[in-house]
Amino acid sequence: MTTQKIAQGEGDAPARPQGRQGLTKPLRTLLDTSGLIAIFAVLFVALSVFIPDFLTGRNMVGLLLSVTLIGTIATTMMLVLALGEVDLSVASIVAFAGVVAAVATSASGSVIIGVLGGVVAGGAVGAFNGFVVARFGINSLIATLAAMEFVRGLAYITSGGDAVMITVPAFFELGSASFLGLTLPVWTMIACFVIFGVLLNMTAFGRNVLATGGNAEAAALAGVNVRRLKIIVFGLQGVVAGIAGVLLTSRMGLGDPNTSQGLELAVISACVLGGVALSGGIASITGVLVGVMIMGCVQNAMGLLNVPTFYQYLVRGAILLLAVMFDRWKQTRRQRA
């Protein structure tokens, strides 16, 4: 009897964890985001009931296509925020990568060279951001704000200050090619959610990201190379933004250095709305997906209702403010617990 009590910690603690701590990580994540999923379900049903054209097959495909840019980039912004950092340069990277892809494709006549050029350009900017943040300890908000400006400038310089027309028709197939009724940008977004969801939840890399965001010093003491991790995460952010920029350029049919203004705020809003903590250490790929879909549904509904553009700005600003307030409320609740 005494031996049994010792094995159970003298009867003070059960041998097996109870409650959410005893559940697998994916199930705990689902429970933590269940409230957000319920909000999305209610919103979706309400829009389906009160907006006649919302639930049509054509509109659903259009809805998915409309969130591909935000959704794709949000998968890696989630990792950046989980590190306790932020990247404000993603919109400029999208524009720069698209312009590079357009120029390289038209100059070489090769779609492959154009795509690689755009993706490499995006990855290089992302890795540079990570190096500046990790090596010099500069606040990522300031570092990427500076990058946002000079990368946008690079886009204008590369394009000669004007949109770059693409002379290779095959390049347009990147944005229009479809499989099972869904275009390549949609499949790219789905692939990103799967890949980075697995990385976050099922690999040491994901655990290190969350650990670093929660306490960078403790993670370093535990053997995590924090500098290298930050460079990798920012590099991944740049690569994914580059891919998104190339696909956007293919859909538009030209490389526009002025495209995607304000995209970074929409991406951050979707992540925070999806439960990613701005302070780092907490992230959920399921929550990010739901956050992206909530924003997409609201934007889609406003379009169907012909809401004037300036009112749409008000709504998007309100969503960002509510998302930050929601994040703050969750931080306070965690501190009290």
Protein backbone atom coordinates (compact mmCIF):
# COMPACT_ATOMS: atom_id res chain seq x y z
CA MET A 1 0.00 0.00 0.00
CA THR A 2 2.84 2.37 0.88
CA THR A 3 4.65 1.57 -2.35
CA GLN A 4 1.49 2.30 -4.33
CA LYS A 5 1.09 5.72 -2.66
CA ILE A 6 4.70 6.61 -3.38
CA ALA A 7 4.23 5.71 -7.04
CA GLN A 8 1.21 8.01 -7.11
CA GLY A 9 2.95 10.83 -5.29
CA GLU A 10 1.49 9.89 -1.86
CA GLY A 11 -2.00 10.11 -3.30
CA ASP A 12 -1.81 13.87 -3.88
CA ALA A 13 -1.65 13.66 -7.69
CA PRO A 14 -3.11 11.11 -10.07
CA ALA A 15 -0.78 8.93 -12.10
CA ARG A 16 -2.42 10.04 -15.36
CA PRO A 17 -3.08 13.68 -16.28
CA GLN A 18 -6.68 14.77 -16.31
CA GLY A 19 -8.65 17.36 -18.27
CA ARG A 20 -7.20 18.99 -21.35
CA GLN A 21 -3.62 18.25 -20.31
CA GLY A 22 -4.35 14.55 -20.78
CA LEU A 23 -5.54 15.03 -24.35
CA THR A 24 -3.46 14.87 -27.48
CA LYS A 25 -2.21 18.22 -28.78
CA PRO A 26 -4.46 18.31 -31.92
CA LEU A 27 -7.54 17.63 -29.74
CA ARG A 28 -6.54 20.30 -27.21
CA THR A 29 -6.06 22.74 -30.09
CA LEU A 30 -9.52 21.91 -31.42
CA LEU A 31 -11.07 22.51 -28.00
CA ASP A 32 -9.20 25.80 -27.60
CA THR A 33 -10.51 27.04 -30.96
CA SER A 34 -14.01 25.63 -30.60
CA GLY A 35 -15.45 29.03 -29.68
CA LEU A 36 -13.98 30.59 -32.81
CA ILE A 37 -15.28 27.73 -34.94
CA ALA A 38 -18.74 28.26 -33.46
CA ILE A 39 -18.59 31.98 -34.33
CA PHE A 40 -17.62 31.12 -37.90
CA ALA A 41 -20.44 28.57 -38.16
CA VAL A 42 -23.02 31.10 -36.95
CA LEU A 43 -21.65 33.75 -39.31
CA PHE A 44 -21.69 31.36 -42.26
CA VAL A 45 -25.27 30.23 -41.60
CA ALA A 46 -26.45 33.82 -41.13
CA LEU A 47 -24.86 34.96 -44.39
CA SER A 48 -26.31 31.95 -46.19
CA VAL A 49 -29.81 32.78 -44.94
CA PHE A 50 -29.84 36.53 -45.38
CA ILE A 51 -27.75 36.93 -48.56
CA PRO A 52 -29.39 35.00 -51.43
CA ASP A 53 -26.28 34.54 -53.62
CA PHE A 54 -23.86 33.70 -50.83
CA LEU A 55 -24.25 29.90 -50.77
CA THR A 56 -24.04 29.34 -54.52
CA GLY A 57 -21.29 27.07 -55.83
CA ARG A 58 -19.83 29.85 -57.93
CA ASN A 59 -19.62 32.19 -54.95
CA MET A 60 -18.02 29.51 -52.74
CA VAL A 61 -15.27 28.97 -55.33
CA GLY A 62 -14.87 32.74 -55.59
CA LEU A 63 -14.69 33.01 -51.79
CA LEU A 64 -11.86 30.48 -51.64
CA LEU A 65 -9.99 32.25 -54.42
CA SER A 66 -10.41 35.62 -52.71
CA VAL A 67 -8.71 34.44 -49.50
CA THR A 68 -5.78 32.66 -51.16
CA LEU A 69 -3.39 35.60 -50.85
CA ILE A 70 -4.14 36.30 -47.18
CA GLY A 71 -4.49 32.62 -46.29
CA THR A 72 -1.24 31.51 -47.90
CA ILE A 73 0.85 34.20 -46.23
CA ALA A 74 -0.96 33.76 -42.89
CA THR A 75 0.46 30.23 -42.54
CA THR A 76 3.97 31.61 -42.14
CA MET A 77 2.96 34.85 -40.44
CA MET A 78 1.59 32.51 -37.76
CA LEU A 79 5.14 31.21 -37.18
CA VAL A 80 6.60 34.72 -37.09
CA LEU A 81 4.03 35.87 -34.53
CA ALA A 82 4.48 32.65 -32.54
CA LEU A 83 8.16 33.63 -32.22
CA GLY A 84 7.05 36.87 -30.62
CA GLU A 85 8.02 38.81 -33.75
CA VAL A 86 6.09 40.51 -36.57
CA ASP A 87 6.69 41.04 -40.29
CA LEU A 88 5.27 44.20 -41.86
CA SER A 89 7.13 43.75 -45.14
CA VAL A 90 5.04 40.90 -46.62
CA ALA A 91 2.96 43.17 -48.87
CA SER A 92 6.08 44.74 -50.33
CA ILE A 93 7.62 41.29 -50.80
CA VAL A 94 4.51 40.20 -52.72
CA ALA A 95 4.84 43.21 -55.03
CA PHE A 96 8.62 42.84 -55.44
CA ALA A 97 8.47 39.09 -56.12
CA GLY A 98 5.71 39.63 -58.67
CA VAL A 99 7.67 42.32 -60.49
CA VAL A 100 10.84 40.21 -60.50
CA ALA A 101 8.88 37.23 -61.86
CA ALA A 102 7.32 39.38 -64.59
CA VAL A 103 10.65 40.93 -65.64
CA ALA A 104 12.54 37.62 -65.55
CA THR A 105 9.83 35.75 -67.47
CA SER A 106 9.57 38.37 -70.20
CA ALA A 107 13.36 38.73 -70.49
CA SER A 108 14.14 35.02 -70.59
CA GLY A 109 10.98 33.66 -72.16
CA SER A 110 10.97 30.95 -69.48
CA VAL A 111 8.19 30.58 -66.91
CA ILE A 112 10.43 28.45 -64.70
CA ILE A 113 13.13 31.13 -64.53
CA GLY A 114 10.50 33.77 -63.79
CA VAL A 115 8.91 31.75 -60.99
CA LEU A 116 12.27 30.87 -59.43
CA GLY A 117 13.37 34.49 -59.66
CA GLY A 118 10.27 35.72 -57.82
CA VAL A 119 10.45 33.06 -55.11
CA VAL A 120 14.20 33.54 -54.56
CA ALA A 121 13.72 37.31 -54.36
CA GLY A 122 11.06 36.86 -51.68
CA GLY A 123 13.14 34.35 -49.75
CA ALA A 124 16.19 36.61 -49.86
CA VAL A 125 14.26 39.54 -48.39
CA GLY A 126 12.78 37.31 -45.69
CA ALA A 127 16.17 35.86 -44.74
CA PHE A 128 17.64 39.36 -44.65
CA ASN A 129 14.86 40.45 -42.28
CA GLY A 130 15.59 37.47 -40.06
CA PHE A 131 19.33 38.19 -40.07
CA VAL A 132 18.80 41.83 -39.07
CA VAL A 133 16.41 40.88 -36.28
CA ALA A 134 18.46 37.94 -34.98
CA ARG A 135 21.99 39.25 -35.43
CA PHE A 136 21.56 42.87 -34.35
CA GLY A 137 18.66 42.44 -31.94
CA ILE A 138 16.59 45.10 -33.69
CA ASN A 139 12.89 45.08 -32.89
CA SER A 140 11.17 43.23 -35.74
CA LEU A 141 8.46 45.89 -35.96
CA ILE A 142 11.07 48.53 -36.82
CA ALA A 143 13.24 46.26 -38.96
CA THR A 144 10.39 45.04 -41.14
CA LEU A 145 8.82 48.51 -41.29
CA ALA A 146 12.10 49.70 -42.84
CA ALA A 147 12.12 46.65 -45.11
CA MET A 148 8.56 47.42 -46.17
CA GLU A 149 9.72 50.78 -47.50
CA PHE A 150 12.94 49.81 -49.25
CA VAL A 151 11.53 46.60 -50.75
CA ARG A 152 8.60 48.56 -52.18
CA GLY A 153 11.20 50.94 -53.57
CA LEU A 154 13.06 47.99 -55.12
CA ALA A 155 9.82 46.92 -56.76
CA TYR A 156 9.42 50.36 -58.35
CA ILE A 157 13.06 50.45 -59.44
CA THR A 158 12.90 46.96 -60.94
CA SER A 159 9.72 47.76 -62.84
CA GLY A 160 10.87 51.20 -63.95
CA GLY A 161 8.07 52.81 -61.95
CA ASP A 162 5.27 51.21 -63.95
CA ALA A 163 3.47 47.90 -64.29
CA VAL A 164 5.41 45.22 -66.18
CA MET A 165 3.47 43.44 -68.92
CA ILE A 166 4.20 39.71 -69.34
CA THR A 167 4.91 38.54 -72.87
CA VAL A 168 4.85 34.78 -72.21
CA PRO A 169 1.25 33.45 -72.33
CA ALA A 170 2.18 30.25 -70.49
CA PHE A 171 2.83 32.31 -67.33
CA PHE A 172 -0.89 33.08 -67.05
CA GLU A 173 -1.67 29.39 -66.61
CA LEU A 174 -0.18 29.50 -63.10
CA GLY A 175 -3.14 31.51 -61.87
CA SER A 176 -5.83 29.82 -63.95
CA ALA A 177 -4.85 26.13 -64.00
CA SER A 178 -7.40 24.09 -62.09
CA PHE A 179 -7.85 20.63 -60.60
CA LEU A 180 -11.13 19.27 -59.20
CA GLY A 181 -12.70 22.67 -59.78
CA LEU A 182 -10.13 24.56 -57.71
CA THR A 183 -7.37 26.74 -59.15
CA LEU A 184 -3.66 26.45 -58.40
CA PRO A 185 -3.67 29.41 -55.93
CA VAL A 186 -6.34 27.62 -53.86
CA TRP A 187 -4.39 24.34 -53.88
CA THR A 188 -1.25 26.28 -52.91
CA MET A 189 -3.05 27.75 -49.91
CA ILE A 190 -4.34 24.32 -48.88
CA ALA A 191 -0.83 22.85 -49.21
CA CYS A 192 0.61 25.64 -47.04
CA PHE A 193 -1.96 25.02 -44.30
CA VAL A 194 -1.17 21.29 -44.32
CA ILE A 195 2.62 21.70 -44.43
CA PHE A 196 2.91 24.39 -41.77
CA GLY A 197 0.23 22.76 -39.64
CA VAL A 198 2.34 19.61 -39.53
CA LEU A 199 5.49 21.64 -38.86
CA LEU A 200 3.86 23.47 -35.97
CA ASN A 201 2.14 20.54 -34.29
CA MET A 202 4.22 17.47 -35.07
CA THR A 203 7.87 18.49 -35.33
CA ALA A 204 10.65 19.70 -33.08
CA PHE A 205 10.85 22.78 -35.27
CA GLY A 206 7.32 23.80 -34.31
CA ARG A 207 7.95 23.11 -30.64
CA ASN A 208 11.09 25.23 -30.76
CA VAL A 209 9.17 28.11 -32.38
CA LEU A 210 6.55 28.06 -29.63
CA ALA A 211 9.17 27.65 -26.91
CA THR A 212 11.19 30.58 -28.23
CA GLY A 213 8.10 32.77 -28.45
CA GLY A 214 7.16 31.85 -24.90
CA ASN A 215 10.61 32.47 -23.42
CA ALA A 216 13.57 32.98 -25.74
CA GLU A 217 16.17 32.84 -22.96
CA ALA A 218 14.84 29.55 -21.59
CA ALA A 219 14.72 28.11 -25.13
CA ALA A 220 18.35 29.12 -25.70
CA LEU A 221 19.38 27.50 -22.41
CA ALA A 222 17.56 24.35 -23.52
CA GLY A 223 19.75 24.18 -26.62
CA VAL A 224 17.64 25.98 -29.22
CA ASN A 225 19.67 28.07 -31.67
CA VAL A 226 17.37 31.08 -31.45
CA ARG A 227 19.23 33.19 -34.02
CA ARG A 228 19.17 30.49 -36.66
CA LEU A 229 15.52 29.72 -35.92
CA LYS A 230 14.51 33.34 -36.46
CA ILE A 231 16.39 33.54 -39.76
CA ILE A 232 14.71 30.32 -40.95
CA VAL A 233 11.22 31.47 -39.96
CA PHE A 234 11.59 34.89 -41.58
CA GLY A 235 13.11 33.17 -44.61
CA LEU A 236 10.08 30.88 -44.88
CA GLN A 237 7.85 33.93 -44.58
CA GLY A 238 9.69 35.51 -47.51
CA VAL A 239 9.52 32.36 -49.65
CA VAL A 240 5.77 31.95 -49.11
CA ALA A 241 5.15 35.65 -49.75
CA GLY A 242 7.22 35.28 -52.92
CA ILE A 243 5.12 32.33 -54.07
CA ALA A 244 1.95 34.29 -53.34
CA GLY A 245 3.33 37.25 -55.28
CA VAL A 246 4.13 35.13 -58.32
CA LEU A 247 0.63 33.59 -58.34
CA LEU A 248 -0.98 37.01 -57.89
CA THR A 249 1.04 38.37 -60.81
CA SER A 250 -0.10 35.46 -62.96
CA ARG A 251 -3.74 36.15 -62.07
CA MET A 252 -3.41 39.88 -62.80
CA GLY A 253 -1.42 39.34 -65.98
CA LEU A 254 1.23 41.89 -65.04
CA GLY A 255 3.78 42.77 -62.38
CA ASP A 256 2.43 45.72 -60.42
CA PRO A 257 4.82 47.42 -57.94
CA ASN A 258 1.86 49.12 -56.29
CA THR A 259 -0.14 45.99 -55.51
CA SER A 260 -1.19 44.58 -52.12
CA GLN A 261 -1.04 47.84 -50.15
CA GLY A 262 -2.16 47.11 -46.57
CA LEU A 263 -2.00 43.33 -47.04
CA GLU A 264 0.21 42.90 -43.96
CA LEU A 265 -2.53 44.21 -41.65
CA ALA A 266 -5.12 41.84 -43.11
CA VAL A 267 -2.77 38.88 -42.63
CA ILE A 268 -1.96 39.83 -39.04
CA SER A 269 -5.66 40.38 -38.32
CA ALA A 270 -6.50 36.89 -39.57
CA CYS A 271 -3.76 35.35 -37.41
CA VAL A 272 -4.70 37.22 -34.24
CA LEU A 273 -8.38 36.56 -34.85
CA GLY A 274 -7.41 32.90 -35.15
CA GLY A 275 -5.86 32.84 -31.70
CA VAL A 276 -2.17 33.52 -32.42
CA ALA A 277 -0.78 35.54 -29.51
CA LEU A 278 0.97 38.78 -30.45
CA SER A 279 3.26 38.22 -27.48
CA GLY A 280 4.38 34.87 -28.92
CA GLY A 281 4.34 31.29 -27.71
CA ILE A 282 0.78 30.44 -28.76
CA ALA A 283 -0.45 29.53 -32.25
CA SER A 284 -3.05 27.31 -33.87
CA ILE A 285 -3.17 26.43 -37.56
CA THR A 286 -6.88 25.58 -37.19
CA GLY A 287 -7.54 28.95 -35.63
CA VAL A 288 -5.66 30.76 -38.40
CA LEU A 289 -7.72 28.93 -41.03
CA VAL A 290 -10.95 29.93 -39.30
CA GLY A 291 -9.71 33.51 -38.90
CA VAL A 292 -8.93 33.69 -42.62
CA MET A 293 -12.37 32.32 -43.52
CA ILE A 294 -14.17 34.73 -41.18
CA MET A 295 -12.44 37.70 -42.80
CA GLY A 296 -13.08 36.25 -46.25
CA CYS A 297 -16.78 35.73 -45.55
CA VAL A 298 -17.19 39.28 -44.25
CA GLN A 299 -15.38 40.73 -47.27
CA ASN A 300 -17.38 38.54 -49.65
CA ALA A 301 -20.67 39.53 -48.04
CA MET A 302 -19.84 43.21 -48.31
CA GLY A 303 -19.09 42.72 -51.99
CA LEU A 304 -22.39 40.93 -52.61
CA LEU A 305 -24.25 43.71 -50.77
CA ASN A 306 -22.41 46.37 -52.78
CA VAL A 307 -21.11 48.06 -49.64
CA PRO A 308 -19.11 51.17 -50.66
CA THR A 309 -15.35 50.78 -50.48
CA PHE A 310 -14.84 53.41 -47.77
CA TYR A 311 -17.26 51.57 -45.47
CA GLN A 312 -15.34 48.37 -46.11
CA TYR A 313 -12.23 50.10 -44.75
CA LEU A 314 -14.16 50.84 -41.55
CA VAL A 315 -15.21 47.21 -41.21
CA ARG A 316 -11.69 45.87 -41.77
CA GLY A 317 -10.31 48.35 -39.23
CA ALA A 318 -12.93 47.27 -36.72
CA ILE A 319 -12.02 43.62 -37.26
CA LEU A 320 -8.34 44.38 -36.62
CA LEU A 321 -9.18 46.31 -33.44
CA LEU A 322 -11.49 43.55 -32.18
CA ALA A 323 -8.86 40.93 -32.93
CA VAL A 324 -6.22 42.80 -30.89
CA MET A 325 -8.68 43.37 -28.05
CA PHE A 326 -9.56 39.68 -28.12
CA ASP A 327 -5.85 38.77 -27.96
CA ARG A 328 -5.38 41.11 -25.01
CA TRP A 329 -8.37 39.61 -23.20
CA LYS A 330 -6.96 36.10 -23.65
CA GLN A 331 -3.56 37.18 -22.33
CA THR A 332 -5.19 38.67 -19.23
CA ARG A 333 -7.21 35.51 -18.67
CA ARG A 334 -4.11 33.33 -18.97
CA GLN A 335 -2.19 35.51 -16.50
CA ARG A 336 -5.00 35.26 -13.95
CA ALA A 337 -5.17 31.51 -14.41
